[in-house]
Amino acid sequence: MKKITLFVSFILLCVITQSQNLIGLNGKEIREYMKANYKEMNYNKVVNYKYQYLKYSDNSENQTILFFLGRDSTCKEVRVTCDTGLKQQKLKELDSRYKKSSENRWIEKRNGKNYNINLKEGKWSLVISIEAEK
């Protein structure tokens, strides 16, 4: 039984690592994933009485990642905010990870669900949102 659990965990980790879409994971799993895969991102403890989320930012504060959690503590949406100077790098990442559906929009099909990825460009920052299709 332990071997099966270990195998399933390994397969899940491979899928998560490949896709970068952490929707469906709980807060503890997200913290473990970020610690192992994004050492340059720092966890920022946040107290917010309206929304429950995990916040990570890099040392230069060019990029922030928010993992919005539902009442069951599982991730429902991911939002990345970064400096506009990272636009080309982010477009390249999105094009390599997801299927482009239109300008600044991508889609990921995983486990029978569709996930929408949107990039919005503001004057000072880019916002990338990942959420399950409704």
Protein backbone atom coordinates (compact mmCIF):
# COMPACT_ATOMS: atom_id res chain seq x y z
CA MET A 1 0.00 0.00 0.00
CA LYS A 2 2.85 2.40 0.80
CA LYS A 3 4.37 1.76 -2.63
CA ILE A 4 1.09 2.59 -4.35
CA THR A 5 0.70 5.80 -2.32
CA LEU A 6 4.29 6.79 -3.09
CA PHE A 7 3.78 6.06 -6.79
CA VAL A 8 0.55 8.11 -6.95
CA SER A 9 2.27 10.97 -5.09
CA PHE A 10 5.16 10.84 -7.56
CA ILE A 11 2.82 10.92 -10.57
CA LEU A 12 0.86 13.81 -9.04
CA LEU A 13 4.08 15.74 -8.40
CA CYS A 14 5.19 15.21 -12.01
CA VAL A 15 1.87 16.50 -13.34
CA ILE A 16 1.94 19.51 -11.03
CA THR A 17 5.57 20.30 -11.83
CA GLN A 18 4.96 20.10 -15.54
CA SER A 19 1.84 22.23 -15.67
CA GLN A 20 2.42 24.84 -12.94
CA ASN A 21 -1.33 24.91 -12.34
CA LEU A 22 -1.74 24.38 -8.59
CA ILE A 23 -5.53 24.70 -8.51
CA GLY A 24 -6.99 21.91 -6.39
CA LEU A 25 -4.02 21.62 -4.04
CA ASN A 26 -4.39 22.58 -0.40
CA GLY A 27 -2.34 25.26 1.33
CA LYS A 28 0.19 22.82 2.80
CA GLU A 29 0.81 21.19 -0.60
CA ILE A 30 1.29 24.59 -2.22
CA ARG A 31 3.82 25.67 0.44
CA GLU A 32 5.75 22.40 -0.03
CA TYR A 33 5.70 22.80 -3.83
CA MET A 34 6.88 26.40 -3.69
CA LYS A 35 9.64 25.59 -1.21
CA ALA A 36 10.94 22.79 -3.43
CA ASN A 37 10.52 24.43 -6.84
CA TYR A 38 10.67 28.19 -6.37
CA LYS A 39 13.37 28.86 -3.81
CA GLU A 40 13.68 32.45 -5.07
CA MET A 41 10.08 33.16 -3.97
CA ASN A 42 9.47 34.13 -0.35
CA TYR A 43 6.32 33.28 1.57
CA ASN A 44 4.65 36.42 2.96
CA LYS A 45 2.33 35.87 5.90
CA VAL A 46 -0.87 37.82 5.27
CA VAL A 47 -3.90 38.36 7.49
CA ASN A 48 -7.05 39.09 5.52
CA TYR A 49 -10.48 38.52 7.02
CA LYS A 50 -12.30 38.56 3.68
CA TYR A 51 -10.09 36.29 1.54
CA GLN A 52 -7.90 33.35 2.41
CA TYR A 53 -4.77 33.22 0.26
CA LEU A 54 -1.06 32.45 0.22
CA LYS A 55 1.26 35.17 -0.99
CA TYR A 56 4.76 34.78 -2.43
CA SER A 57 7.10 37.45 -3.76
CA ASP A 58 10.63 37.47 -5.10
CA ASN A 59 13.51 39.37 -3.46
CA SER A 60 13.44 42.16 -6.03
CA GLU A 61 9.65 42.49 -5.72
CA ASN A 62 9.26 42.17 -9.49
CA GLN A 63 6.82 39.29 -9.11
CA THR A 64 4.08 38.30 -6.68
CA ILE A 65 2.04 35.09 -6.72
CA LEU A 66 -1.27 34.79 -4.90
CA PHE A 67 -2.96 31.42 -4.36
CA PHE A 68 -6.61 32.06 -3.48
CA LEU A 69 -8.04 29.34 -1.27
CA GLY A 70 -11.65 28.33 -0.82
CA ARG A 71 -13.37 27.51 2.45
CA ASP A 72 -12.01 23.98 2.18
CA SER A 73 -8.44 25.41 1.98
CA THR A 74 -7.92 24.23 -1.59
CA CYS A 75 -6.64 26.54 -4.28
CA LYS A 76 -9.39 27.98 -6.48
CA GLU A 77 -7.41 30.59 -8.42
CA VAL A 78 -3.81 31.62 -9.01
CA ARG A 79 -2.85 35.21 -9.77
CA VAL A 80 0.66 36.33 -10.77
CA THR A 81 1.46 40.03 -10.81
CA CYS A 82 4.79 41.08 -12.28
CA ASP A 83 6.70 43.99 -13.72
CA THR A 84 5.95 44.77 -17.39
CA GLY A 85 9.64 44.23 -18.15
CA LEU A 86 8.97 40.49 -17.73
CA LYS A 87 6.33 40.39 -20.47
CA GLN A 88 8.36 38.54 -23.13
CA GLN A 89 9.58 35.99 -20.59
CA LYS A 90 6.02 35.39 -19.31
CA LEU A 91 4.58 35.07 -22.82
CA LYS A 92 7.24 32.50 -23.65
CA GLU A 93 6.45 30.56 -20.45
CA LEU A 94 2.71 30.63 -21.10
CA ASP A 95 3.13 29.57 -24.74
CA SER A 96 5.33 26.64 -23.69
CA ARG A 97 3.02 25.41 -20.89
CA TYR A 98 -0.48 25.98 -22.25
CA LYS A 99 -2.43 25.93 -25.50
CA LYS A 100 -3.05 29.43 -26.83
CA SER A 101 -6.75 30.11 -27.42
CA SER A 102 -6.59 33.79 -28.44
CA GLU A 103 -4.47 36.85 -27.82
CA ASN A 104 -3.35 36.88 -24.18
CA ARG A 105 -5.47 33.79 -23.43
CA TRP A 106 -4.52 30.16 -22.99
CA ILE A 107 -6.28 27.00 -21.92
CA GLU A 108 -5.18 23.89 -20.09
CA LYS A 109 -7.14 20.63 -20.12
CA ARG A 110 -6.35 18.46 -17.11
CA ASN A 111 -8.25 15.70 -15.33
CA GLY A 112 -11.40 16.37 -17.34
CA LYS A 113 -11.45 20.09 -16.51
CA ASN A 114 -10.57 23.19 -18.48
CA TYR A 115 -8.50 25.96 -16.91
CA ASN A 116 -8.42 29.45 -18.36
CA ILE A 117 -5.21 31.46 -18.26
CA ASN A 118 -5.50 35.18 -18.97
CA LEU A 119 -2.86 37.87 -19.19
CA LYS A 120 -3.89 41.48 -18.61
CA GLU A 121 -1.41 44.23 -19.22
CA GLY A 122 -1.61 47.41 -17.17
CA LYS A 123 0.52 50.51 -17.27
CA TRP A 124 2.94 49.26 -14.59
CA SER A 125 2.30 45.54 -14.32
CA LEU A 126 1.11 42.32 -15.90
CA VAL A 127 -1.52 40.16 -14.22
CA ILE A 128 -1.79 36.49 -15.10
CA SER A 129 -4.86 34.69 -13.76
CA ILE A 130 -5.45 30.96 -13.75
CA GLU A 131 -8.88 29.61 -12.84
CA ALA A 132 -11.13 26.68 -13.61
CA GLU A 133 -13.63 27.19 -16.38
CA LYS A 134 -17.10 27.81 -15.00
